Amino acid sequence: MKGWEAFRVALDALRGNRMRSLLTMLGIIIGIAAVIVVVSIGSGARQQIEKQVEGLGSNLILVVPGQFDTNNLSRSAAATSTMQIADAEVLAAVTGDPQSVTARVSTGAQVRAAGGSEHFQTIQGADQNLPRVMNRPLAEGQYFSTVDVDTRRRVAVLGSVSARVLFPGADPVGRQVTIAGTRFEVIGVLKEQGESFGVSQDNEIHIPITTAQRMFSIQRVDAFAVKAPSASGVGALSDRLWKAMKEKYPDQTFSAITQTQILGVIGQILGLLTGVLAAIAGISLLVGGVGVSNIMLVSVRERTREIGLRKALGARQRDVLVQFLVEAVLLTSVGGAIGIAIGVAGSIAVNQLSPLPATIEWWSPVVAFVVSAAVGIFFGVFPARRAGRLDPVVALRTE
């Protein structure tokens, strides 16, 4: 039997039992669609996190107290920090550029605009190098200077969300805000940055780190951010920064974390999660394959006399086997195509109508279609072999 003829006969057989064929394909359709949607959400989440990490600043190295914990990236080591502002000079001596190092300390406080309502805001104590190191350009006004930090001036730079909340419909530059009972002059507004690891970088207020330490009785520095001169030198510079801090504090533990390390850990977590979810969705493919095998066995039983007649007219065992195998592959392939269409449409809907990001990888529909065809071959072999081994005399006697 020629390939085209086998395909035509298989298509006619499926058309003759449309409802049964559709119900048989249902498991394949659900499995393929679910796998595509899950992979799309995983890819979208990974790309979004990569953008957030890159948005922290290019060639960035974070020097933090404690051991970098790959199992809990959100762990805060600020409470046990022994780092001081003067340590910026130690790190700057390693980089050779004092402007490539910035110190930060974070806290929270109630903030009120003159004549306005009161809101709780994240307060970031920082130095004059933060916009350059952390890639935080200003929308208007200016950032505080070295003199502002050295003299502990009461000046503030607002995030874009903080500016809208505290001064709705008004220009905040030049106005006054009260932070934890202390009045500050607003000298600038940062450009909108978005979220990083689920935390808005726009809903915060920056003040000189020296002012923050005096106001909130804080002596520590939560972290130093260092900007490497080039991407190729990040790894070596990270090692040198770590050694410099260990030499000054031999009894303390420090970590110099690069963006590559953060992305690598997050990529492993997301990859594992996506794989587990895809495997769970893939169970539908297994169930669908069992359904295909069952229906093909029923089809063999129903068409026993037809098989006997064909073999009596000269059809070989291989011809009958190919015929039923083509039917099984066609059944799963059509189901796979429908599942791909539903999966792609579902991924687009998730990306546009929900907060979850979803990016369709070009290879996922291709792999899905290949898998659906493979399921047809794997679960269609046994029914096809059973049909091919039927004795024509016994088959023709079957009622």
Protein backbone atom coordinates (compact mmCIF):
# COMPACT_ATOMS: atom_id res chain seq x y z
CA MET A 1 0.00 0.00 0.00
CA LYS A 2 1.36 3.39 -1.01
CA GLY A 3 1.85 6.11 1.56
CA TRP A 4 -0.76 8.46 0.09
CA GLU A 5 -3.33 5.70 -0.10
CA ALA A 6 -2.67 4.74 3.53
CA PHE A 7 -3.11 8.38 4.53
CA ARG A 8 -6.38 8.67 2.58
CA VAL A 9 -7.83 5.50 4.11
CA ALA A 10 -6.76 6.65 7.61
CA LEU A 11 -8.41 10.03 7.04
CA ASP A 12 -11.63 8.38 5.88
CA ALA A 13 -11.62 6.15 8.99
CA LEU A 14 -11.27 9.17 11.29
CA ARG A 15 -13.99 11.08 9.44
CA GLY A 16 -16.31 8.09 9.78
CA ASN A 17 -16.06 8.34 13.60
CA ARG A 18 -15.71 12.08 14.18
CA MET A 19 -16.99 12.21 17.75
CA ARG A 20 -14.91 9.22 18.86
CA SER A 21 -11.83 10.67 17.18
CA LEU A 22 -12.35 14.05 18.87
CA LEU A 23 -12.79 12.51 22.30
CA THR A 24 -9.69 10.37 21.73
CA MET A 25 -7.67 13.45 20.80
CA LEU A 26 -8.84 15.39 23.85
CA GLY A 27 -6.04 14.17 26.12
CA ILE A 28 -3.43 15.04 23.48
CA ILE A 29 -4.97 18.48 22.93
CA ILE A 30 -5.03 19.31 26.65
CA GLY A 31 -1.50 17.99 27.22
CA ILE A 32 0.08 19.88 24.30
CA ALA A 33 -1.75 23.12 25.10
CA ALA A 34 -0.82 22.92 28.80
CA VAL A 35 2.85 22.27 28.07
CA ILE A 36 3.08 25.23 25.67
CA VAL A 37 1.37 27.60 28.13
CA VAL A 38 3.55 26.44 31.05
CA VAL A 39 6.77 26.79 29.05
CA SER A 40 5.65 30.23 27.81
CA ILE A 41 4.97 31.44 31.35
CA GLY A 42 8.33 30.08 32.53
CA SER A 43 10.17 31.78 29.65
CA GLY A 44 8.31 35.04 30.23
CA ALA A 45 9.13 35.01 33.93
CA ARG A 46 12.79 34.34 33.21
CA GLN A 47 13.01 37.20 30.70
CA GLN A 48 11.23 39.57 33.06
CA ILE A 49 13.60 38.76 35.92
CA GLU A 50 16.60 39.16 33.62
CA LYS A 51 15.38 42.65 32.70
CA GLN A 52 14.88 43.49 36.37
CA VAL A 53 18.38 42.33 37.30
CA GLU A 54 19.92 44.16 34.34
CA GLY A 55 17.91 47.24 35.33
CA LEU A 56 19.82 47.39 38.61
CA GLY A 57 22.82 48.55 36.64
CA SER A 58 25.21 47.13 34.08
CA ASN A 59 28.32 45.22 35.20
CA LEU A 60 27.08 45.44 38.77
CA ILE A 61 28.64 43.75 41.80
CA LEU A 62 26.89 43.78 45.17
CA VAL A 63 29.07 43.50 48.27
CA VAL A 64 26.93 42.32 51.20
CA PRO A 65 27.58 40.83 54.63
CA GLY A 66 27.00 37.14 55.15
CA GLN A 67 27.12 34.16 52.83
CA PHE A 68 25.32 34.37 49.49
CA ASP A 69 22.41 31.94 49.94
CA THR A 70 21.35 30.32 46.68
CA ASN A 71 18.25 28.90 48.37
CA ASN A 72 16.91 32.24 49.59
CA LEU A 73 17.78 35.25 47.49
CA SER A 74 15.49 37.50 49.49
CA ARG A 75 17.39 36.93 52.76
CA SER A 76 18.41 40.21 54.37
CA ALA A 77 21.80 40.38 56.07
CA ALA A 78 21.48 44.07 56.96
CA ALA A 79 20.72 43.41 60.63
CA THR A 80 24.13 41.80 61.15
CA SER A 81 26.12 44.12 58.92
CA THR A 82 29.40 45.49 60.25
CA MET A 83 30.22 47.48 57.13
CA GLN A 84 30.81 51.21 57.45
CA ILE A 85 30.73 54.15 55.02
CA ALA A 86 34.52 54.30 55.24
CA ASP A 87 34.67 50.86 53.60
CA ALA A 88 33.79 52.58 50.33
CA GLU A 89 37.40 53.78 50.24
CA VAL A 90 38.63 50.18 50.56
CA LEU A 91 36.50 49.10 47.59
CA ALA A 92 37.37 52.21 45.60
CA ALA A 93 41.06 51.42 46.05
CA VAL A 94 40.41 48.06 44.38
CA THR A 95 38.50 49.51 41.43
CA GLY A 96 40.70 52.57 41.05
CA ASP A 97 37.61 54.76 40.59
CA PRO A 98 35.92 56.33 43.65
CA GLN A 99 32.82 57.08 41.59
CA SER A 100 32.27 53.38 40.85
CA VAL A 101 31.26 52.56 44.44
CA THR A 102 28.04 53.52 46.22
CA ALA A 103 26.81 52.70 49.71
CA ARG A 104 23.18 52.09 50.68
CA VAL A 105 21.10 51.69 53.79
CA SER A 106 17.36 51.04 53.77
CA THR A 107 14.59 51.71 56.25
CA GLY A 108 10.99 52.88 56.27
CA ALA A 109 9.18 55.90 57.69
CA GLN A 110 6.00 57.94 57.53
CA VAL A 111 6.30 60.76 55.03
CA ARG A 112 4.01 63.76 54.68
CA ALA A 113 3.99 66.52 52.10
CA ALA A 114 3.31 70.05 53.25
CA GLY A 115 -0.45 70.34 53.52
CA GLY A 116 -0.95 66.80 52.23
CA SER A 117 -1.72 63.35 53.54
CA GLU A 118 0.74 61.01 55.25
CA HIS A 119 2.12 57.87 53.57
CA PHE A 120 4.54 55.14 54.58
CA GLN A 121 7.55 55.16 52.26
CA THR A 122 10.78 53.21 51.82
CA ILE A 123 13.72 55.44 52.68
CA GLN A 124 16.99 54.78 50.87
CA GLY A 125 20.08 56.34 52.36
CA ALA A 126 22.60 56.66 49.54
CA ASP A 127 25.58 58.67 48.38
CA GLN A 128 26.20 60.82 45.34
CA ASN A 129 27.41 57.91 43.18
CA LEU A 130 24.15 55.95 43.18
CA PRO A 131 22.64 57.27 39.90
CA ARG A 132 25.77 56.34 37.96
CA VAL A 133 26.40 52.96 39.58
CA MET A 134 22.79 51.77 39.82
CA ASN A 135 21.62 53.28 36.52
CA ARG A 136 19.01 55.59 38.07
CA PRO A 137 18.61 58.67 35.83
CA LEU A 138 16.54 61.64 36.96
CA ALA A 139 13.33 62.87 35.38
CA GLU A 140 13.82 66.37 36.77
CA GLY A 141 15.92 68.27 39.26
CA GLN A 142 19.20 66.88 40.53
CA TYR A 143 20.62 64.20 42.80
CA PHE A 144 22.45 65.15 45.98
CA SER A 145 26.15 65.96 45.78
CA THR A 146 29.25 65.04 47.75
CA VAL A 147 28.79 68.20 49.82
CA ASP A 148 25.21 67.18 50.64
CA VAL A 149 26.44 63.82 51.92
CA ASP A 150 29.39 65.23 53.85
CA THR A 151 27.30 67.95 55.54
CA ARG A 152 24.29 65.70 56.17
CA ARG A 153 21.93 68.04 54.35
CA ARG A 154 18.21 67.43 54.57
CA VAL A 155 17.52 67.01 50.90
CA ALA A 156 15.45 64.30 49.23
CA VAL A 157 15.01 62.77 45.79
CA LEU A 158 11.65 61.12 45.15
CA GLY A 159 10.81 58.04 43.14
CA SER A 160 8.22 58.59 40.42
CA VAL A 161 5.41 56.87 42.37
CA SER A 162 6.31 58.66 45.60
CA ALA A 163 6.21 61.99 43.75
CA ARG A 164 2.70 61.28 42.41
CA VAL A 165 1.44 60.07 45.78
CA LEU A 166 2.81 62.97 47.82
CA PHE A 167 2.31 65.72 45.24
CA PRO A 168 -0.57 64.70 42.95
CA GLY A 169 -0.75 66.96 39.93
CA ALA A 170 2.06 69.22 41.17
CA ASP A 171 5.79 69.62 40.59
CA PRO A 172 7.52 68.37 43.77
CA VAL A 173 10.93 69.96 43.09
CA GLY A 174 11.54 72.78 45.54
CA ARG A 175 8.75 71.69 47.88
CA GLN A 176 9.01 70.30 51.40
CA VAL A 177 8.36 66.82 52.79
CA THR A 178 8.47 65.67 56.37
CA ILE A 179 10.21 62.33 56.96
CA ALA A 180 9.81 60.83 60.44
CA GLY A 181 9.16 64.32 61.81
CA THR A 182 12.13 65.96 60.03
CA ARG A 183 11.61 68.39 57.16
CA PHE A 184 13.44 67.84 53.86
CA GLU A 185 13.64 69.82 50.65
CA VAL A 186 12.84 67.90 47.46
CA ILE A 187 15.59 68.54 44.91
CA GLY A 188 14.83 65.89 42.26
CA VAL A 189 12.58 63.13 40.94
CA LEU A 190 13.90 59.83 39.56
CA LYS A 191 12.72 58.39 36.27
CA GLU A 192 10.27 55.52 36.44
CA GLN A 193 12.12 52.25 36.97
CA GLY A 194 9.48 49.59 37.62
CA GLU A 195 9.72 46.58 39.91
CA SER A 196 12.71 44.51 40.89
CA PHE A 197 11.96 41.07 42.38
CA GLY A 198 8.40 42.17 43.11
CA VAL A 199 9.43 45.39 44.91
CA SER A 200 8.74 48.77 43.33
CA GLN A 201 11.83 50.92 42.93
CA ASP A 202 9.64 53.96 42.25
CA ASN A 203 7.88 53.99 45.62
CA GLU A 204 10.89 55.16 47.61
CA ILE A 205 12.67 58.32 48.73
CA HIS A 206 16.42 58.83 48.59
CA ILE A 207 18.24 60.93 51.19
CA PRO A 208 21.98 61.28 51.95
CA ILE A 209 23.21 58.16 53.70
CA THR A 210 24.85 60.21 56.46
CA THR A 211 21.56 61.98 57.14
CA ALA A 212 19.72 58.65 57.26
CA GLN A 213 22.22 57.17 59.70
CA ARG A 214 21.92 60.14 62.05
CA MET A 215 18.10 60.31 61.85
CA PHE A 216 17.47 56.61 62.40
CA SER A 217 20.49 55.93 64.67
CA ILE A 218 21.98 53.52 62.14
CA GLN A 219 25.73 52.92 61.99
CA ARG A 220 25.80 50.12 59.46
CA VAL A 221 25.79 50.05 55.68
CA ASP A 222 23.45 47.44 54.22
CA ALA A 223 25.35 46.94 50.96
CA PHE A 224 27.86 48.40 48.57
CA ALA A 225 27.24 48.39 44.84
CA VAL A 226 30.28 48.45 42.58
CA LYS A 227 30.24 49.12 38.85
CA ALA A 228 32.87 47.13 36.96
CA PRO A 229 34.52 48.92 33.99
CA SER A 230 33.61 46.07 31.63
CA ALA A 231 31.52 42.90 31.58
CA SER A 232 34.61 40.74 31.03
CA GLY A 233 36.24 42.00 34.22
CA VAL A 234 33.29 41.43 36.56
CA GLY A 235 34.42 38.01 37.81
CA ALA A 236 38.00 39.01 38.60
CA LEU A 237 36.92 42.28 40.22
CA SER A 238 34.39 40.42 42.35
CA ASP A 239 37.13 38.19 43.76
CA ARG A 240 39.38 41.19 44.52
CA LEU A 241 36.55 43.05 46.28
CA TRP A 242 35.81 40.03 48.44
CA LYS A 243 39.48 39.64 49.38
CA ALA A 244 39.75 43.34 50.29
CA MET A 245 36.79 43.10 52.67
CA LYS A 246 38.11 39.87 54.22
CA GLU A 247 41.48 41.51 54.86
CA LYS A 248 39.79 44.33 56.76
CA TYR A 249 37.30 42.09 58.56
CA PRO A 250 38.99 38.67 58.85
CA ASP A 251 36.39 37.38 61.32
CA GLN A 252 33.41 38.38 59.19
CA THR A 253 31.79 36.68 56.21
CA PHE A 254 31.14 38.65 53.02
CA SER A 255 29.81 37.96 49.56
CA ALA A 256 30.52 39.77 46.31
CA ILE A 257 27.52 38.87 44.15
CA THR A 258 27.47 39.41 40.41
CA GLN A 259 24.43 39.69 38.15
CA THR A 260 25.48 36.45 36.47
CA GLN A 261 25.30 34.61 39.79
CA ILE A 262 21.85 36.01 40.55
CA LEU A 263 20.55 35.17 37.09
CA GLY A 264 22.10 31.70 37.24
CA VAL A 265 20.41 30.81 40.52
CA ILE A 266 17.07 32.26 39.44
CA GLY A 267 17.36 30.47 36.10
CA GLN A 268 17.91 27.15 37.88
CA ILE A 269 14.90 27.70 40.12
CA LEU A 270 12.63 28.74 37.27
CA GLY A 271 13.92 25.94 35.06
CA LEU A 272 13.21 23.35 37.74
CA LEU A 273 9.76 24.79 38.42
CA THR A 274 8.90 24.95 34.72
CA GLY A 275 10.11 21.38 34.23
CA VAL A 276 7.98 20.07 37.10
CA LEU A 277 4.88 21.89 35.84
CA ALA A 278 5.52 20.73 32.28
CA ALA A 279 5.91 17.14 33.51
CA ILE A 280 2.59 17.39 35.34
CA ALA A 281 0.96 18.75 32.19
CA GLY A 282 2.65 15.98 30.21
CA ILE A 283 0.67 13.39 32.17
CA SER A 284 -2.24 14.39 29.94
CA LEU A 285 -0.17 13.24 26.97
CA LEU A 286 0.36 9.86 28.62
CA VAL A 287 -3.35 9.55 29.35
CA GLY A 288 -4.12 10.64 25.79
CA GLY A 289 -1.70 8.07 24.41
CA VAL A 290 -3.36 5.28 26.40
CA GLY A 291 -6.69 6.47 25.01
CA VAL A 292 -5.32 6.33 21.46
CA SER A 293 -4.05 2.79 21.99
CA ASN A 294 -7.40 1.71 23.43
CA ILE A 295 -9.42 3.22 20.57
CA MET A 296 -7.11 1.71 17.96
CA LEU A 297 -7.58 -1.73 19.57
CA VAL A 298 -11.33 -1.20 19.36
CA SER A 299 -10.94 -0.16 15.74
CA VAL A 300 -8.96 -3.33 14.97
CA ARG A 301 -11.72 -5.46 16.49
CA GLU A 302 -14.44 -3.61 14.59
CA ARG A 303 -12.60 -3.95 11.27
CA THR A 304 -11.46 -7.56 11.61
CA ARG A 305 -13.37 -8.73 8.51
CA GLU A 306 -11.98 -5.76 6.52
CA ILE A 307 -8.45 -6.75 7.52
CA GLY A 308 -9.08 -10.38 6.56
CA LEU A 309 -10.46 -9.33 3.17
CA ARG A 310 -7.46 -7.13 2.45
CA LYS A 311 -5.00 -9.85 3.39
CA ALA A 312 -6.94 -12.37 1.29
CA LEU A 313 -6.61 -9.99 -1.70
CA GLY A 314 -2.82 -9.82 -1.26
CA ALA A 315 -2.16 -7.21 1.42
CA ARG A 316 0.97 -8.00 3.38
CA GLN A 317 1.33 -7.87 7.15
CA ARG A 318 3.46 -4.76 6.75
CA ASP A 319 0.71 -3.02 4.73
CA VAL A 320 -1.89 -3.57 7.44
CA LEU A 321 0.56 -2.50 10.16
CA VAL A 322 1.40 0.72 8.28
CA GLN A 323 -2.30 1.42 7.73
CA PHE A 324 -3.22 1.37 11.41
CA LEU A 325 0.00 3.08 12.47
CA VAL A 326 -0.76 5.95 10.09
CA GLU A 327 -4.22 6.24 11.62
CA ALA A 328 -2.76 6.49 15.13
CA VAL A 329 -0.15 9.07 14.10
CA LEU A 330 -2.74 11.10 12.19
CA LEU A 331 -5.02 11.04 15.22
CA THR A 332 -2.35 12.40 17.58
CA SER A 333 -0.90 14.81 14.99
CA VAL A 334 -4.26 16.46 14.41
CA GLY A 335 -4.77 16.60 18.16
CA GLY A 336 -1.27 18.07 18.53
CA ALA A 337 -1.98 20.77 15.93
CA ILE A 338 -5.20 21.75 17.70
CA GLY A 339 -3.36 21.73 21.04
CA ILE A 340 -0.62 23.97 19.62
CA ALA A 341 -3.21 26.48 18.38
CA ILE A 342 -4.96 26.50 21.77
CA GLY A 343 -1.62 26.71 23.62
CA VAL A 344 -0.39 29.67 21.55
CA ALA A 345 -3.73 31.47 21.92
CA GLY A 346 -3.73 30.72 25.66
CA SER A 347 -0.18 32.06 26.07
CA ILE A 348 -1.08 35.29 24.28
CA ALA A 349 -4.21 35.64 26.44
CA VAL A 350 -2.20 35.06 29.65
CA ASN A 351 0.38 37.66 28.62
CA GLN A 352 -2.21 40.30 27.75
CA LEU A 353 -4.98 39.66 30.28
CA SER A 354 -3.11 38.58 33.42
CA PRO A 355 -0.17 39.86 35.47
CA LEU A 356 1.82 36.75 34.50
CA PRO A 357 4.35 37.28 31.69
CA ALA A 358 4.29 34.74 28.87
CA THR A 359 6.74 34.49 25.98
CA ILE A 360 6.24 31.82 23.33
CA GLU A 361 9.52 30.13 22.50
CA TRP A 362 9.80 29.20 18.81
CA TRP A 363 10.86 25.66 19.62
CA SER A 364 7.97 24.78 21.96
CA PRO A 365 5.29 24.29 19.21
CA VAL A 366 7.80 22.32 17.12
CA VAL A 367 8.72 20.04 20.02
CA ALA A 368 5.03 19.71 20.94
CA PHE A 369 4.12 18.55 17.44
CA VAL A 370 7.01 16.08 17.32
CA VAL A 371 6.00 14.72 20.73
CA SER A 372 2.38 14.31 19.63
CA ALA A 373 3.48 12.35 16.55
CA ALA A 374 5.82 10.25 18.69
CA VAL A 375 2.96 9.47 21.05
CA GLY A 376 0.96 8.21 18.07
CA ILE A 377 3.81 5.96 16.96
CA PHE A 378 4.53 4.64 20.46
CA PHE A 379 0.93 3.89 21.42
CA GLY A 380 -0.11 2.86 17.91
CA VAL A 381 2.49 0.15 17.37
CA PHE A 382 0.78 -2.51 19.49
CA PRO A 383 -2.69 -2.19 17.90
CA ALA A 384 -1.10 -1.99 14.42
CA ARG A 385 0.98 -5.14 15.02
CA ARG A 386 -2.06 -6.94 16.33
CA ALA A 387 -3.98 -6.00 13.18
CA GLY A 388 -1.10 -7.09 10.94
CA ARG A 389 -0.83 -10.53 12.60
CA LEU A 390 -4.47 -11.44 12.12
CA ASP A 391 -4.97 -14.70 10.18
CA PRO A 392 -7.05 -13.85 7.07
CA VAL A 393 -9.13 -17.06 7.31
CA VAL A 394 -9.99 -16.45 10.97
CA ALA A 395 -10.64 -12.78 10.25
CA LEU A 396 -13.08 -13.52 7.43
CA ARG A 397 -15.05 -15.89 9.68
CA THR A 398 -15.46 -13.20 12.35
CA GLU A 399 -19.02 -11.94 12.68
